[in-house]
C-alpha atoms as a PDB file:
ATOM      1  CA  MET A   1     -18.558  34.191 -14.315  1.00  0.00           C
ATOM      2  CA  GLU A   2     -18.126  30.969 -16.313  1.00  0.00           C
ATOM      3  CA  GLU A   3     -14.435  31.655 -16.858  1.00  0.00           C
ATOM      4  CA  ILE A   4     -13.950  32.278 -13.136  1.00  0.00           C
ATOM      5  CA  ASP A   5     -15.799  29.044 -12.341  1.00  0.00           C
ATOM      6  CA  ARG A   6     -13.635  27.114 -14.792  1.00  0.00           C
ATOM      7  CA  LYS A   7     -10.442  28.500 -13.267  1.00  0.00           C
ATOM      8  CA  LEU A   8     -11.709  27.837  -9.747  1.00  0.00           C
ATOM      9  CA  VAL A   9     -12.324  24.195 -10.668  1.00  0.00           C
ATOM     10  CA  GLU A  10      -8.749  23.930 -11.979  1.00  0.00           C
ATOM     11  CA  LEU A  11      -7.304  25.536  -8.850  1.00  0.00           C
ATOM     12  CA  THR A  12      -9.467  23.379  -6.579  1.00  0.00           C
ATOM     13  CA  GLU A  13      -8.027  20.319  -8.280  1.00  0.00           C
ATOM     14  CA  GLU A  14      -4.508  21.706  -7.883  1.00  0.00           C
ATOM     15  CA  LYS A  15      -5.194  22.372  -4.202  1.00  0.00           C
ATOM     16  CA  ARG A  16      -6.497  18.835  -3.773  1.00  0.00           C
ATOM     17  CA  LEU A  17      -3.439  17.326  -5.410  1.00  0.00           C
ATOM     18  CA  GLN A  18      -1.113  19.629  -3.488  1.00  0.00           C
ATOM     19  CA  THR A  19      -2.669  18.675  -0.161  1.00  0.00           C
ATOM     20  CA  LYS A  20      -2.634  15.010  -1.125  1.00  0.00           C
ATOM     21  CA  ARG A  21       1.026  15.090  -2.171  1.00  0.00           C
ATOM     22  CA  ALA A  22       2.048  16.890   1.007  1.00  0.00           C
ATOM     23  CA  LYS A  23       0.252  14.297   3.157  1.00  0.00           C
ATOM     24  CA  HIS A  24       1.648  11.415   1.152  1.00  0.00           C
ATOM     25  CA  LEU A  25       5.166  12.852   1.265  1.00  0.00           C
ATOM     26  CA  ALA A  26       5.002  13.126   5.061  1.00  0.00           C
ATOM     27  CA  LYS A  27       3.780   9.530   5.241  1.00  0.00           C
ATOM     28  CA  VAL A  28       6.440   8.311   2.801  1.00  0.00           C
ATOM     29  CA  LEU A  29       9.167   9.955   4.895  1.00  0.00           C
ATOM     30  CA  GLN A  30       7.856   8.166   8.010  1.00  0.00           C
ATOM     31  CA  GLU A  31       7.675   4.840   6.176  1.00  0.00           C
ATOM     32  CA  LEU A  32      11.141   5.362   4.703  1.00  0.00           C
ATOM     33  CA  GLN A  33      12.675   5.941   8.126  1.00  0.00           C
ATOM     34  CA  LEU A  34      10.892   2.860   9.483  1.00  0.00           C
ATOM     35  CA  GLU A  35      12.066   0.629   6.619  1.00  0.00           C
ATOM     36  CA  LYS A  36      15.656   1.872   6.977  1.00  0.00           C
ATOM     37  CA  GLU A  37      15.559   1.009  10.678  1.00  0.00           C
ATOM     38  CA  LYS A  38      14.060  -2.397   9.878  1.00  0.00           C
ATOM     39  CA  ALA A  39      16.715  -3.099   7.256  1.00  0.00           C
ATOM     40  CA  ALA A  40      19.498  -2.243   9.725  1.00  0.00           C
ATOM     41  CA  SER A  41      17.879  -4.384  12.442  1.00  0.00           C
ATOM     42  CA  PHE A  42      17.372  -7.369  10.142  1.00  0.00           C
ATOM     43  CA  ARG A  43      20.945  -7.017   8.899  1.00  0.00           C
ATOM     44  CA  SER A  44      22.252  -7.249  12.468  1.00  0.00           C
ATOM     45  CA  GLN A  45      20.003 -10.228  13.207  1.00  0.00           C
ATOM     46  CA  LEU A  46      21.120 -11.917   9.999  1.00  0.00           C
ATOM     47  CA  GLU A  47      24.803 -11.578  10.877  1.00  0.00           C
ATOM     48  CA  ALA A  48      24.160 -12.965  14.369  1.00  0.00           C
ATOM     49  CA  GLU A  49      22.131 -15.928  13.087  1.00  0.00           C
ATOM     50  CA  GLU A  50      24.724 -16.751  10.418  1.00  0.00           C
ATOM     51  CA  LYS A  51      27.393 -16.899  13.142  1.00  0.00           C
ATOM     52  CA  ASP A  52      25.227 -19.348  15.087  1.00  0.00           C
ATOM     53  CA  VAL A  53      24.945 -21.570  12.010  1.00  0.00           C
ATOM     54  CA  GLN A  54      28.710 -21.503  11.440  1.00  0.00           C
ATOM     55  CA  GLN A  55      29.321 -22.460  15.054  1.00  0.00           C
ATOM     56  CA  LEU A  56      27.058 -25.474  14.702  1.00  0.00           C
ATOM     57  CA  VAL A  57      28.603 -26.518  11.383  1.00  0.00           C
ATOM     58  CA  GLY A  58      32.214 -26.063  12.552  1.00  0.00           C
ATOM     59  CA  PHE A  59      33.872 -27.211  15.758  1.00  0.00           C
ATOM     60  CA  HIS A  60      32.618 -25.587  18.924  1.00  0.00           C
ATOM     61  CA  PRO A  61      32.441 -26.890  22.517  1.00  0.00           C
ATOM     62  CA  TYR A  62      28.669 -26.523  22.384  1.00  0.00           C
ATOM     63  CA  ASN A  63      28.595 -28.999  19.476  1.00  0.00           C
ATOM     64  CA  VAL A  64      29.753 -31.780  21.765  1.00  0.00           C
ATOM     65  CA  PHE A  65      26.914 -30.967  24.161  1.00  0.00           C
ATOM     66  CA  TYR A  66      24.296 -30.837  21.370  1.00  0.00           C
ATOM     67  CA  SER A  67      25.639 -34.072  19.826  1.00  0.00           C
ATOM     68  CA  MET A  68      25.405 -35.886  23.148  1.00  0.00           C
ATOM     69  CA  LEU A  69      21.807 -34.822  23.436  1.00  0.00           C
ATOM     70  CA  GLY A  70      21.149 -35.822  19.840  1.00  0.00           C
ATOM     71  CA  SER A  71      19.868 -32.343  19.102  1.00  0.00           C
ATOM     72  CA  LYS A  72      22.582 -30.882  16.883  1.00  0.00           C
ATOM     73  CA  GLN A  73      20.713 -31.466  13.584  1.00  0.00           C
ATOM     74  CA  GLU A  74      17.485 -30.138  15.038  1.00  0.00           C
ATOM     75  CA  ARG A  75      19.310 -27.059  16.345  1.00  0.00           C
ATOM     76  CA  LEU A  76      21.021 -26.570  12.958  1.00  0.00           C
ATOM     77  CA  ARG A  77      17.715 -26.895  11.106  1.00  0.00           C
ATOM     78  CA  LYS A  78      16.111 -24.320  13.388  1.00  0.00           C
ATOM     79  CA  GLU A  79      19.004 -21.866  13.005  1.00  0.00           C
ATOM     80  CA  LYS A  80      18.905 -22.172   9.209  1.00  0.00           C
ATOM     81  CA  GLN A  81      15.167 -21.615   9.277  1.00  0.00           C
ATOM     82  CA  GLU A  82      15.639 -18.412  11.274  1.00  0.00           C
ATOM     83  CA  VAL A  83      18.354 -17.228   8.859  1.00  0.00           C
ATOM     84  CA  ALA A  84      16.069 -17.820   5.876  1.00  0.00           C
ATOM     85  CA  ALA A  85      13.139 -15.941   7.427  1.00  0.00           C
ATOM     86  CA  ILE A  86      15.302 -12.967   8.426  1.00  0.00           C
ATOM     87  CA  LYS A  87      16.976 -12.893   4.986  1.00  0.00           C
ATOM     88  CA  LEU A  88      13.587 -12.649   3.273  1.00  0.00           C
ATOM     89  CA  LYS A  89      12.491  -9.844   5.595  1.00  0.00           C
ATOM     90  CA  TYR A  90      15.812  -8.050   5.137  1.00  0.00           C
ATOM     91  CA  ASP A  91      15.492  -8.248   1.338  1.00  0.00           C
ATOM     92  CA  GLU A  92      11.931  -6.915   1.581  1.00  0.00           C
ATOM     93  CA  ALA A  93      13.015  -3.982   3.767  1.00  0.00           C
ATOM     94  CA  VAL A  94      15.828  -3.080   1.339  1.00  0.00           C
ATOM     95  CA  ALA A  95      13.437  -3.265  -1.637  1.00  0.00           C
ATOM     96  CA  SER A  96      10.906  -1.124   0.257  1.00  0.00           C
ATOM     97  CA  VAL A  97      13.570   1.505   0.935  1.00  0.00           C
ATOM     98  CA  ASP A  98      14.279   1.686  -2.811  1.00  0.00           C
ATOM     99  CA  ASP A  99      10.554   2.022  -3.603  1.00  0.00           C
ATOM    100  CA  LEU A 100      10.027   4.716  -1.002  1.00  0.00           C
ATOM    101  CA  GLU A 101      13.092   6.678  -2.132  1.00  0.00           C
ATOM    102  CA  ASN A 102      11.625   6.715  -5.656  1.00  0.00           C
ATOM    103  CA  GLU A 103       8.203   7.788  -4.366  1.00  0.00           C
ATOM    104  CA  LYS A 104       9.807  10.533  -2.274  1.00  0.00           C
ATOM    105  CA  ALA A 105      11.681  11.902  -5.308  1.00  0.00           C
ATOM    106  CA  GLU A 106       8.511  11.811  -7.431  1.00  0.00           C
ATOM    107  CA  LEU A 107       6.397  13.609  -4.830  1.00  0.00           C
ATOM    108  CA  GLU A 108       9.037  16.279  -4.237  1.00  0.00           C
ATOM    109  CA  GLN A 109       9.414  16.872  -7.961  1.00  0.00           C
ATOM    110  CA  ASN A 110       5.687  17.488  -8.398  1.00  0.00           C
ATOM    111  CA  GLN A 111       5.385  19.897  -5.499  1.00  0.00           C
ATOM    112  CA  ARG A 112       4.383  23.459  -6.358  1.00  0.00           C
ATOM    113  CA  THR A 113       4.331  26.090  -3.672  1.00  0.00           C
ATOM    114  CA  SER A 114       0.910  25.769  -2.067  1.00  0.00           C
ATOM    115  CA  GLN A 115       1.014  29.431  -1.054  1.00  0.00           C
ATOM    116  CA  SER A 116       0.878  30.663  -4.668  1.00  0.00           C
ATOM    117  CA  ILE A 117      -2.057  28.348  -5.452  1.00  0.00           C
ATOM    118  CA  GLU A 118      -3.964  29.498  -2.379  1.00  0.00           C
ATOM    119  CA  ILE A 119      -3.401  33.195  -3.160  1.00  0.00           C
ATOM    120  CA  GLU A 120      -4.689  32.789  -6.723  1.00  0.00           C
ATOM    121  CA  TYR A 121      -7.655  30.759  -5.489  1.00  0.00           C
ATOM    122  CA  GLN A 122      -8.670  33.347  -2.876  1.00  0.00           C
ATOM    123  CA  GLN A 123      -8.364  36.175  -5.419  1.00  0.00           C
ATOM    124  CA  LEU A 124     -10.704  34.417  -7.854  1.00  0.00           C
ATOM    125  CA  LEU A 125     -13.092  33.554  -5.046  1.00  0.00           C
ATOM    126  CA  ALA A 126     -13.249  37.225  -4.060  1.00  0.00           C
ATOM    127  CA  GLN A 127     -13.948  38.228  -7.684  1.00  0.00           C
ATOM    128  CA  LYS A 128     -16.767  35.726  -7.897  1.00  0.00           C
ATOM    129  CA  GLU A 129     -18.251  36.859  -4.591  1.00  0.00           C
ATOM    130  CA  THR A 130     -18.263  40.474  -5.888  1.00  0.00           C
ATOM    131  CA  LEU A 131     -20.054  39.431  -9.086  1.00  0.00           C
ATOM    132  CA  VAL A 132     -22.664  37.459  -7.161  1.00  0.00           C
ATOM    133  CA  LYS A 133     -23.328  40.417  -4.841  1.00  0.00           C
ATOM    134  CA  GLU A 134     -23.599  42.787  -7.799  1.00  0.00           C
ATOM    135  CA  LYS A 135     -26.230  40.626  -9.466  1.00  0.00           C
ATOM    136  CA  ASN A 136     -27.927  40.084  -6.123  1.00  0.00           C
ATOM    137  CA  THR A 137     -30.499  37.719  -7.580  1.00  0.00           C
ATOM    138  CA  GLN A 138     -31.810  34.472  -6.165  1.00  0.00           C
ATOM    139  CA  MET A 139     -30.703  32.679  -9.313  1.00  0.00           C
ATOM    140  CA  SER A 140     -27.071  33.765  -9.032  1.00  0.00           C
ATOM    141  CA  VAL A 141     -26.950  32.818  -5.336  1.00  0.00           C
ATOM    142  CA  VAL A 142     -28.469  29.377  -5.933  1.00  0.00           C
ATOM    143  CA  LEU A 143     -26.239  28.701  -8.942  1.00  0.00           C
ATOM    144  CA  ASN A 144     -23.189  29.737  -6.947  1.00  0.00           C
ATOM    145  CA  ASP A 145     -24.142  27.371  -4.101  1.00  0.00           C
ATOM    146  CA  LEU A 146     -24.679  24.512  -6.554  1.00  0.00           C
ATOM    147  CA  SER A 147     -21.357  25.233  -8.276  1.00  0.00           C
ATOM    148  CA  ILE A 148     -19.526  25.174  -4.953  1.00  0.00           C
ATOM    149  CA  GLU A 149     -21.186  21.882  -3.977  1.00  0.00           C
ATOM    150  CA  TYR A 150     -20.330  20.324  -7.337  1.00  0.00           C
ATOM    151  CA  VAL A 151     -16.670  21.326  -7.065  1.00  0.00           C
ATOM    152  CA  LYS A 152     -16.448  19.764  -3.580  1.00  0.00           C
ATOM    153  CA  LEU A 153     -18.150  16.588  -4.795  1.00  0.00           C
ATOM    154  CA  GLU A 154     -15.802  16.369  -7.766  1.00  0.00           C
ATOM    155  CA  ALA A 155     -12.743  16.615  -5.501  1.00  0.00           C
ATOM    156  CA  LEU A 156     -14.130  13.962  -3.148  1.00  0.00           C
ATOM    157  CA  TYR A 157     -15.069  11.729  -6.077  1.00  0.00           C
ATOM    158  CA  LYS A 158     -11.491  11.834  -7.382  1.00  0.00           C
ATOM    159  CA  ASP A 159     -10.089  10.921  -3.954  1.00  0.00           C
ATOM    160  CA  VAL A 160     -12.455   7.969  -3.638  1.00  0.00           C
ATOM    161  CA  LYS A 161     -11.798   6.859  -7.217  1.00  0.00           C
ATOM    162  CA  GLU A 162      -8.031   6.938  -6.612  1.00  0.00           C
ATOM    163  CA  ALA A 163      -8.541   4.802  -3.495  1.00  0.00           C
ATOM    164  CA  ARG A 164     -10.598   2.312  -5.513  1.00  0.00           C
ATOM    165  CA  LEU A 165      -7.930   2.074  -8.224  1.00  0.00           C
ATOM    166  CA  ALA A 166      -5.241   1.545  -5.572  1.00  0.00           C
ATOM    167  CA  GLY A 167      -7.371  -1.197  -4.020  1.00  0.00           C
ATOM    168  CA  GLN A 168      -7.800  -2.898  -7.369  1.00  0.00           C
ATOM    169  CA  ARG A 169      -4.027  -2.893  -7.817  1.00  0.00           C
ATOM    170  CA  VAL A 170      -3.717  -4.666  -4.460  1.00  0.00           C
ATOM    171  CA  LYS A 171      -6.295  -7.237  -5.569  1.00  0.00           C
ATOM    172  CA  HIS A 172      -4.321  -7.887  -8.754  1.00  0.00           C
ATOM    173  CA  ALA A 173      -1.025  -8.221  -6.853  1.00  0.00           C
ATOM    174  CA  LEU A 174      -2.615 -10.597  -4.331  1.00  0.00           C
ATOM    175  CA  GLN A 175      -4.123 -12.731  -7.066  1.00  0.00           C
ATOM    176  CA  GLU A 176      -0.734 -13.012  -8.759  1.00  0.00           C
ATOM    177  CA  ALA A 177       0.870 -14.023  -5.460  1.00  0.00           C
ATOM    178  CA  ILE A 178      -1.866 -16.582  -4.766  1.00  0.00           C
ATOM    179  CA  SER A 179      -1.472 -18.065  -8.244  1.00  0.00           C
ATOM    180  CA  SER A 180       2.289 -18.231  -7.795  1.00  0.00           C
ATOM    181  CA  PHE A 181       2.175 -19.983  -4.423  1.00  0.00           C
ATOM    182  CA  ASP A 182      -0.770 -22.147  -5.418  1.00  0.00           C
ATOM    183  CA  SER A 183       1.251 -23.551  -8.298  1.00  0.00           C
ATOM    184  CA  ALA A 184       4.004 -24.308  -5.787  1.00  0.00           C
ATOM    185  CA  LYS A 185       1.997 -27.268  -4.579  1.00  0.00           C
ATOM    186  CA  GLY A 186       3.330 -29.021  -7.664  1.00  0.00           C
ATOM    187  CA  TRP A 187       6.952 -28.155  -7.035  1.00  0.00           C
ATOM    188  CA  GLY A 188       7.491 -31.356  -5.125  1.00  0.00           C
ATOM    189  CA  THR A 189       9.145 -31.828  -1.784  1.00  0.00           C
ATOM    190  CA  PHE A 190      12.468 -30.059  -1.509  1.00  0.00           C
ATOM    191  CA  ASP A 191      15.022 -29.980   1.212  1.00  0.00           C
ATOM    192  CA  MET A 192      15.641 -26.260   1.496  1.00  0.00           C
ATOM    193  CA  PHE A 193      19.176 -26.642   2.688  1.00  0.00           C
ATOM    194  CA  GLY A 194      20.242 -29.753   0.851  1.00  0.00           C
ATOM    195  CA  GLY A 195      19.483 -31.775  -2.253  1.00  0.00           C
ATOM    196  CA  GLY A 196      21.000 -31.805  -5.694  1.00  0.00           C
ATOM    197  CA  ALA A 197      21.977 -28.934  -7.934  1.00  0.00           C
ATOM    198  CA  ILE A 198      18.848 -29.210 -10.103  1.00  0.00           C
ATOM    199  CA  SER A 199      16.446 -29.138  -7.154  1.00  0.00           C
ATOM    200  CA  SER A 200      18.403 -26.236  -5.664  1.00  0.00           C
ATOM    201  CA  MET A 201      18.096 -24.237  -8.881  1.00  0.00           C
ATOM    202  CA  ILE A 202      14.351 -24.916  -9.123  1.00  0.00           C
ATOM    203  CA  LYS A 203      13.664 -24.020  -5.528  1.00  0.00           C
ATOM    204  CA  HIS A 204      15.776 -20.850  -5.762  1.00  0.00           C
ATOM    205  CA  SER A 205      13.855 -19.768  -8.860  1.00  0.00           C
ATOM    206  CA  HIS A 206      10.481 -20.292  -7.194  1.00  0.00           C
ATOM    207  CA  MET A 207      11.554 -18.574  -3.986  1.00  0.00           C
ATOM    208  CA  SER A 208      12.787 -15.545  -5.958  1.00  0.00           C
ATOM    209  CA  GLU A 209       9.509 -15.341  -7.851  1.00  0.00           C
ATOM    210  CA  GLY A 210       7.471 -15.716  -4.670  1.00  0.00           C
ATOM    211  CA  GLU A 211       9.533 -13.074  -2.876  1.00  0.00           C
ATOM    212  CA  GLU A 212       8.955 -10.645  -5.752  1.00  0.00           C
ATOM    213  CA  LYS A 213       5.179 -11.280  -5.715  1.00  0.00           C
ATOM    214  CA  ILE A 214       4.955 -10.612  -1.982  1.00  0.00           C
ATOM    215  CA  HIS A 215       6.976  -7.424  -2.379  1.00  0.00           C
ATOM    216  CA  ASN A 216       4.510  -6.258  -5.035  1.00  0.00           C
ATOM    217  CA  VAL A 217       1.647  -6.946  -2.630  1.00  0.00           C
ATOM    218  CA  GLN A 218       3.343  -5.012   0.181  1.00  0.00           C
ATOM    219  CA  HIS A 219       4.100  -2.074  -2.117  1.00  0.00           C
ATOM    220  CA  ALA A 220       0.493  -1.949  -3.350  1.00  0.00           C
ATOM    221  CA  LEU A 221      -0.867  -2.284   0.201  1.00  0.00           C
ATOM    222  CA  ARG A 222       1.262   0.625   1.380  1.00  0.00           C
ATOM    223  CA  ARG A 223      -0.124   2.880  -1.360  1.00  0.00           C
ATOM    224  CA  PHE A 224      -3.684   1.670  -0.775  1.00  0.00           C
ATOM    225  CA  LYS A 225      -3.391   2.531   2.917  1.00  0.00           C
ATOM    226  CA  ARG A 226      -2.307   6.097   2.067  1.00  0.00           C
ATOM    227  CA  GLU A 227      -5.220   6.540  -0.327  1.00  0.00           C
ATOM    228  CA  LEU A 228      -7.633   5.254   2.307  1.00  0.00           C
ATOM    229  CA  ASN A 229      -6.252   7.737   4.822  1.00  0.00           C
ATOM    230  CA  ASP A 230      -7.236  10.531   2.399  1.00  0.00           C
ATOM    231  CA  ILE A 231     -10.915   9.547   2.561  1.00  0.00           C
ATOM    232  CA  GLN A 232     -11.091   8.122   6.096  1.00  0.00           C
ATOM    233  CA  HIS A 233     -13.020  11.173   7.357  1.00  0.00           C
ATOM    234  CA  GLU A 234     -15.811  10.642   4.815  1.00  0.00           C
ATOM    235  CA  PHE A 235     -17.016   7.278   6.093  1.00  0.00           C
ATOM    236  CA  ASP A 236     -16.147   4.704   8.700  1.00  0.00           C
ATOM    237  CA  LEU A 237     -13.573   2.171   7.582  1.00  0.00           C
ATOM    238  CA  THR A 238     -12.336  -0.354  10.092  1.00  0.00           C
ATOM    239  CA  LEU A 239      -8.869  -1.157   8.838  1.00  0.00           C
ATOM    240  CA  GLU A 240      -6.324  -3.597  10.133  1.00  0.00           C
ATOM    241  CA  SER A 241      -3.663  -0.959   9.502  1.00  0.00           C
ATOM    242  CA  ASN A 242      -0.844  -2.826  11.249  1.00  0.00           C
ATOM    243  CA  GLU A 243      -1.578  -5.916   9.192  1.00  0.00           C
ATOM    244  CA  PHE A 244      -1.427  -3.802   6.029  1.00  0.00           C
ATOM    245  CA  VAL A 245       1.937  -2.302   6.948  1.00  0.00           C
ATOM    246  CA  ARG A 246       3.504  -5.520   8.326  1.00  0.00           C
ATOM    247  CA  PHE A 247       2.029  -7.921   5.779  1.00  0.00           C
ATOM    248  CA  ALA A 248       5.345  -9.038   4.228  1.00  0.00           C
ATOM    249  CA  ASP A 249       7.099  -9.595   7.587  1.00  0.00           C
ATOM    250  CA  VAL A 250       4.243 -11.723   8.929  1.00  0.00           C
ATOM    251  CA  PHE A 251       3.964 -13.644   5.673  1.00  0.00           C
ATOM    252  CA  PHE A 252       7.680 -14.465   5.420  1.00  0.00           C
ATOM    253  CA  ASP A 253       7.746 -15.677   9.041  1.00  0.00           C
ATOM    254  CA  GLY A 254       5.002 -18.150   8.243  1.00  0.00           C
ATOM    255  CA  LEU A 255       6.302 -19.103   4.806  1.00  0.00           C
ATOM    256  CA  ILE A 256       9.623 -20.526   5.972  1.00  0.00           C
ATOM    257  CA  ALA A 257       8.073 -22.525   8.810  1.00  0.00           C
ATOM    258  CA  ASP A 258       5.344 -23.780   6.496  1.00  0.00           C
ATOM    259  CA  TRP A 259       7.644 -24.783   3.674  1.00  0.00           C
ATOM    260  CA  ILE A 260      10.495 -26.290   5.664  1.00  0.00           C
ATOM    261  CA  MET A 261       8.646 -27.889   8.544  1.00  0.00           C
ATOM    262  CA  GLN A 262       5.688 -29.291   6.631  1.00  0.00           C
ATOM    263  CA  ASP A 263       6.793 -29.328   2.964  1.00  0.00           C
ATOM    264  CA  LYS A 264       3.528 -27.488   2.263  1.00  0.00           C
ATOM    265  CA  ILE A 265       2.455 -23.927   1.702  1.00  0.00           C
ATOM    266  CA  HIS A 266      -1.194 -24.209   2.694  1.00  0.00           C
ATOM    267  CA  LYS A 267      -0.863 -21.839   5.651  1.00  0.00           C
ATOM    268  CA  SER A 268       0.929 -19.280   3.497  1.00  0.00           C
ATOM    269  CA  LEU A 269      -1.872 -19.471   0.948  1.00  0.00           C
ATOM    270  CA  ASP A 270      -4.435 -19.099   3.726  1.00  0.00           C
ATOM    271  CA  HIS A 271      -2.684 -15.934   4.862  1.00  0.00           C
ATOM    272  CA  LEU A 272      -2.758 -14.519   1.327  1.00  0.00           C
ATOM    273  CA  ARG A 273      -6.444 -15.343   0.907  1.00  0.00           C
ATOM    274  CA  GLU A 274      -7.265 -13.830   4.290  1.00  0.00           C
ATOM    275  CA  GLN A 275      -5.570 -10.591   3.207  1.00  0.00           C
ATOM    276  CA  GLN A 276      -7.435 -10.778  -0.103  1.00  0.00           C
ATOM    277  CA  ARG A 277     -10.782 -11.012   1.718  1.00  0.00           C
ATOM    278  CA  GLU A 278      -9.920  -7.999   3.884  1.00  0.00           C
ATOM    279  CA  VAL A 279      -8.935  -5.909   0.851  1.00  0.00           C
ATOM    280  CA  GLU A 280     -12.101  -6.925  -0.992  1.00  0.00           C
ATOM    281  CA  ARG A 281     -14.217  -6.001   2.040  1.00  0.00           C
ATOM    282  CA  VAL A 282     -12.730  -2.507   2.202  1.00  0.00           C
ATOM    283  CA  LEU A 283     -12.865  -2.144  -1.566  1.00  0.00           C
ATOM    284  CA  ARG A 284     -16.599  -2.895  -1.627  1.00  0.00           C
ATOM    285  CA  ILE A 285     -17.210  -0.052   0.834  1.00  0.00           C
ATOM    286  CA  VAL A 286     -15.131   2.318  -1.296  1.00  0.00           C
ATOM    287  CA  GLU A 287     -16.938   1.293  -4.483  1.00  0.00           C
ATOM    288  CA  VAL A 288     -20.372   1.897  -2.926  1.00  0.00           C
ATOM    289  CA  ARG A 289     -19.275   5.322  -1.701  1.00  0.00           C
ATOM    290  CA  GLU A 290     -17.892   6.176  -5.150  1.00  0.00           C
ATOM    291  CA  GLN A 291     -21.253   5.319  -6.728  1.00  0.00           C
ATOM    292  CA  GLU A 292     -23.102   7.436  -4.147  1.00  0.00           C
ATOM    293  CA  ILE A 293     -20.902  10.469  -4.815  1.00  0.00           C
ATOM    294  CA  GLU A 294     -21.219  10.039  -8.584  1.00  0.00           C
ATOM    295  CA  LYS A 295     -25.029   9.932  -8.213  1.00  0.00           C
ATOM    296  CA  ARG A 296     -24.990  13.093  -6.101  1.00  0.00           C
ATOM    297  CA  LYS A 297     -22.805  14.823  -8.706  1.00  0.00           C
ATOM    298  CA  GLN A 298     -25.314  13.941 -11.404  1.00  0.00           C
ATOM    299  CA  ASP A 299     -28.172  15.224  -9.222  1.00  0.00           C
ATOM    300  CA  VAL A 300     -26.439  18.568  -8.596  1.00  0.00           C
ATOM    301  CA  SER A 301     -25.597  18.955 -12.289  1.00  0.00           C
ATOM    302  CA  TYR A 302     -29.212  18.206 -13.258  1.00  0.00           C
ATOM    303  CA  GLU A 303     -30.539  20.565 -10.587  1.00  0.00           C
ATOM    304  CA  LYS A 304     -28.294  23.353 -11.881  1.00  0.00           C
ATOM    305  CA  LYS A 305     -29.454  22.866 -15.492  1.00  0.00           C
ATOM    306  CA  ARG A 306     -33.127  22.652 -14.455  1.00  0.00           C
ATOM    307  CA  PHE A 307     -32.829  25.853 -12.432  1.00  0.00           C
ATOM    308  CA  ILE A 308     -31.329  27.702 -15.400  1.00  0.00           C
ATOM    309  CA  LEU A 309     -34.000  26.462 -17.815  1.00  0.00           C
ATOM    310  CA  ASN A 310     -36.869  27.363 -15.479  1.00  0.00           C
ATOM    311  CA  SER A 311     -35.550  30.820 -14.625  1.00  0.00           C
END
């Protein structure tokens, strides 16, 4: 009986992972298609916006009109701002496609035919049921029920723990991004589309670092959302799912306007901290649930031992 129980625990874990991978793979394929479409759309927008900038820089009949109105520089500044925002979102979409392609390959590689696992599991379950019926004692029935409950709790505990770990990775990525952009308050005031070579090099370096940090946040958020979907049925979680998925796009829209228009990044930092608060709120719920399940596991284990000793 103990050997059957041990094997059933192993197969239950395999079933859990198999189900999880299948769900995550389906979600990754959806996300991959979406990011490919976004990358293509942003690429088209980028080409169109760059043409608008070239028309304003070079000779074009419209330039005479804009110059007469005194609005050419303002129009040029706005067009360059739009190009910068779209370029950041395009780069993020391309990077996300790469990430998702890697995740897809990893999930497919680890897939084992679920049918073979299920067949083996059902065969062992039938053997155990036969043994329990043969003994036909209250003790064997109670112990079997407790074993089944413990196995279910263990599977749920692992799902919740994996969600917590994913949430902690988001917290770490957000904190790194906040630190990066917070330090930017000391960068000085730069003209994003002008200035000397030294200032251009500095600002390019900081923008590249900031872009990388935000990509890390988006990547971690995407994984956290999948893990939360695995445990959504266990307790009520009110998630701003669209904000999770579109975090980078919304952030980059605000970043360019904030940096160029105001020479500040306070609004961008506010957006990061707002996302941090939301992640921490959800994470606290997950952590409490994890503790509750762990306590119930301990109770079931103790109850099983007590029943054996008193029988």
